């Protein structure tokens, strides 16, 4: 399943270009598998990668037009939450087709 990821660099207030990564459909522990893929792609240590909640999610309230993106102000103001643990996904949800920020 395709997952779009973008790196958020809080020290420079910069968002790097979007990259499409592919998770296997049968993978257990999507967050851990996604962290490993991001680490392979960016050469960052897995343990230092924090993931945001998937966007769009059910809480976005309505239609969101592709390409999915969040304002840098949302990232700066903390409206986008990051977690070193696995972000909580709603039942019957996955990362497939969503945008995930990482730092």
C-alpha atoms as a PDB file:
ATOM      1  CA  UNK A   1       0.000   0.000   0.000  1.00  0.00           C
ATOM      2  CA  UNK A   2       1.367   3.450  -0.861  1.00  0.00           C
ATOM      3  CA  UNK A   3       2.054   5.919   1.950  1.00  0.00           C
ATOM      4  CA  UNK A   4       3.105   9.518   1.348  1.00  0.00           C
ATOM      5  CA  UNK A   5       5.712  10.858   3.790  1.00  0.00           C
ATOM      6  CA  UNK A   6       7.248  14.288   4.294  1.00  0.00           C
ATOM      7  CA  UNK A   7      10.061  15.223   6.628  1.00  0.00           C
ATOM      8  CA  UNK A   8       9.431  18.138   8.976  1.00  0.00           C
ATOM      9  CA  UNK A   9      12.606  19.938  10.086  1.00  0.00           C
ATOM     10  CA  UNK A  10      11.579  22.035  13.123  1.00  0.00           C
ATOM     11  CA  UNK A  11      15.001  23.678  13.504  1.00  0.00           C
ATOM     12  CA  UNK A  12      14.777  25.257  10.040  1.00  0.00           C
ATOM     13  CA  UNK A  13      10.938  25.363   9.787  1.00  0.00           C
ATOM     14  CA  UNK A  14      11.271  23.453   6.534  1.00  0.00           C
ATOM     15  CA  UNK A  15       9.224  20.630   5.007  1.00  0.00           C
ATOM     16  CA  UNK A  16      11.094  18.428   2.558  1.00  0.00           C
ATOM     17  CA  UNK A  17       9.453  17.140  -0.635  1.00  0.00           C
ATOM     18  CA  UNK A  18       6.850  14.394  -0.427  1.00  0.00           C
ATOM     19  CA  UNK A  19       8.037  10.832  -1.025  1.00  0.00           C
ATOM     20  CA  UNK A  20       5.889   7.780  -1.726  1.00  0.00           C
ATOM     21  CA  UNK A  21       6.867   4.647   0.184  1.00  0.00           C
ATOM     22  CA  UNK A  22       5.220   1.243  -0.132  1.00  0.00           C
ATOM     23  CA  UNK A  23       4.203  -0.890   2.853  1.00  0.00           C
ATOM     24  CA  UNK A  24       3.223  -4.502   2.342  1.00  0.00           C
ATOM     25  CA  UNK A  25      -0.508  -5.054   2.781  1.00  0.00           C
ATOM     26  CA  UNK A  26      -0.012  -7.963   5.188  1.00  0.00           C
ATOM     27  CA  UNK A  27       2.443  -6.184   7.497  1.00  0.00           C
ATOM     28  CA  UNK A  28       1.835  -6.324  11.250  1.00  0.00           C
ATOM     29  CA  UNK A  29       2.800  -3.187  13.164  1.00  0.00           C
ATOM     30  CA  UNK A  30       2.470  -0.607  10.407  1.00  0.00           C
ATOM     31  CA  UNK A  31       4.155   2.172  12.402  1.00  0.00           C
ATOM     32  CA  UNK A  32       7.264   0.099  13.067  1.00  0.00           C
ATOM     33  CA  UNK A  33       7.450  -1.033   9.429  1.00  0.00           C
ATOM     34  CA  UNK A  34       6.962   2.543   8.214  1.00  0.00           C
ATOM     35  CA  UNK A  35       9.741   3.795  10.512  1.00  0.00           C
ATOM     36  CA  UNK A  36      12.081   1.164   9.048  1.00  0.00           C
ATOM     37  CA  UNK A  37      11.214   2.220   5.487  1.00  0.00           C
ATOM     38  CA  UNK A  38      11.770   5.892   6.333  1.00  0.00           C
ATOM     39  CA  UNK A  39      15.100   5.032   7.973  1.00  0.00           C
ATOM     40  CA  UNK A  40      16.220   3.142   4.862  1.00  0.00           C
ATOM     41  CA  UNK A  41      15.178   6.004   2.603  1.00  0.00           C
ATOM     42  CA  UNK A  42      16.651   8.866   4.662  1.00  0.00           C
ATOM     43  CA  UNK A  43      19.535   7.090   6.421  1.00  0.00           C
ATOM     44  CA  UNK A  44      18.217   8.314   9.793  1.00  0.00           C
ATOM     45  CA  UNK A  45      18.339   6.017  12.842  1.00  0.00           C
ATOM     46  CA  UNK A  46      14.983   4.257  13.337  1.00  0.00           C
ATOM     47  CA  UNK A  47      14.845   5.130  17.032  1.00  0.00           C
ATOM     48  CA  UNK A  48      15.007   8.882  16.270  1.00  0.00           C
ATOM     49  CA  UNK A  49      12.059   8.928  13.862  1.00  0.00           C
ATOM     50  CA  UNK A  50       8.756  10.294  15.166  1.00  0.00           C
ATOM     51  CA  UNK A  51       5.567   9.935  13.122  1.00  0.00           C
ATOM     52  CA  UNK A  52       2.540  12.193  12.940  1.00  0.00           C
ATOM     53  CA  UNK A  53      -1.029  10.991  12.889  1.00  0.00           C
ATOM     54  CA  UNK A  54      -2.223  10.069   9.380  1.00  0.00           C
ATOM     55  CA  UNK A  55      -3.712  12.867   7.299  1.00  0.00           C
ATOM     56  CA  UNK A  56      -6.468  13.028   6.250  1.00  0.00           C
ATOM     57  CA  UNK A  57      -8.142  11.200   9.082  1.00  0.00           C
ATOM     58  CA  UNK A  58     -11.751  10.881  10.084  1.00  0.00           C
ATOM     59  CA  UNK A  59     -11.352  13.973  12.280  1.00  0.00           C
ATOM     60  CA  UNK A  60     -10.560  16.289   9.338  1.00  0.00           C
ATOM     61  CA  UNK A  61     -14.269  16.678   8.730  1.00  0.00           C
ATOM     62  CA  UNK A  62     -15.061  16.467   5.066  1.00  0.00           C
ATOM     63  CA  UNK A  63     -13.397  16.200   1.711  1.00  0.00           C
ATOM     64  CA  UNK A  64      -9.667  16.853   1.427  1.00  0.00           C
ATOM     65  CA  UNK A  65      -8.238  17.447  -2.037  1.00  0.00           C
ATOM     66  CA  UNK A  66      -5.107  15.674  -3.262  1.00  0.00           C
ATOM     67  CA  UNK A  67      -2.231  16.411  -2.830  1.00  0.00           C
ATOM     68  CA  UNK A  68      -2.694  16.201   0.908  1.00  0.00           C
ATOM     69  CA  UNK A  69      -0.698  18.768   2.821  1.00  0.00           C
ATOM     70  CA  UNK A  70      -0.739  20.634   6.087  1.00  0.00           C
ATOM     71  CA  UNK A  71       0.249  24.231   6.616  1.00  0.00           C
ATOM     72  CA  UNK A  72       3.702  24.858   8.075  1.00  0.00           C
ATOM     73  CA  UNK A  73       1.845  26.883  10.723  1.00  0.00           C
ATOM     74  CA  UNK A  74      -0.017  23.693  11.751  1.00  0.00           C
ATOM     75  CA  UNK A  75       3.360  22.024  12.225  1.00  0.00           C
ATOM     76  CA  UNK A  76       4.879  24.986  14.103  1.00  0.00           C
ATOM     77  CA  UNK A  77       1.837  25.543  16.340  1.00  0.00           C
ATOM     78  CA  UNK A  78       1.694  21.889  17.360  1.00  0.00           C
ATOM     79  CA  UNK A  79      -1.618  21.104  15.668  1.00  0.00           C
ATOM     80  CA  UNK A  80       0.138  18.125  14.088  1.00  0.00           C
ATOM     81  CA  UNK A  81       1.091  15.730  16.888  1.00  0.00           C
ATOM     82  CA  UNK A  82       4.210  13.574  16.645  1.00  0.00           C
ATOM     83  CA  UNK A  83       4.896  10.404  18.573  1.00  0.00           C
ATOM     84  CA  UNK A  84       7.881   8.118  18.978  1.00  0.00           C
ATOM     85  CA  UNK A  85       5.351   5.409  19.869  1.00  0.00           C
ATOM     86  CA  UNK A  86       2.864   4.101  17.369  1.00  0.00           C
ATOM     87  CA  UNK A  87       0.225   6.720  16.547  1.00  0.00           C
ATOM     88  CA  UNK A  88      -3.240   5.479  17.425  1.00  0.00           C
ATOM     89  CA  UNK A  89      -5.152   4.562  14.285  1.00  0.00           C
ATOM     90  CA  UNK A  90      -8.948   4.387  14.305  1.00  0.00           C
ATOM     91  CA  UNK A  91     -10.506   0.931  13.882  1.00  0.00           C
ATOM     92  CA  UNK A  92     -10.547  -0.230  10.245  1.00  0.00           C
ATOM     93  CA  UNK A  93      -7.898   2.360   9.328  1.00  0.00           C
ATOM     94  CA  UNK A  94      -4.358   2.142   8.006  1.00  0.00           C
ATOM     95  CA  UNK A  95      -1.622   4.367   6.656  1.00  0.00           C
ATOM     96  CA  UNK A  96      -2.495   3.416   3.068  1.00  0.00           C
ATOM     97  CA  UNK A  97      -3.070   6.452   0.840  1.00  0.00           C
ATOM     98  CA  UNK A  98      -2.468   8.908   3.697  1.00  0.00           C
ATOM     99  CA  UNK A  99       0.166  11.555   4.337  1.00  0.00           C
ATOM    100  CA  UNK A 100       2.456  11.048   7.320  1.00  0.00           C
ATOM    101  CA  UNK A 101       4.905  13.682   8.520  1.00  0.00           C
ATOM    102  CA  UNK A 102       8.052  12.558  10.301  1.00  0.00           C
ATOM    103  CA  UNK A 103      10.829  14.266  12.163  1.00  0.00           C
END
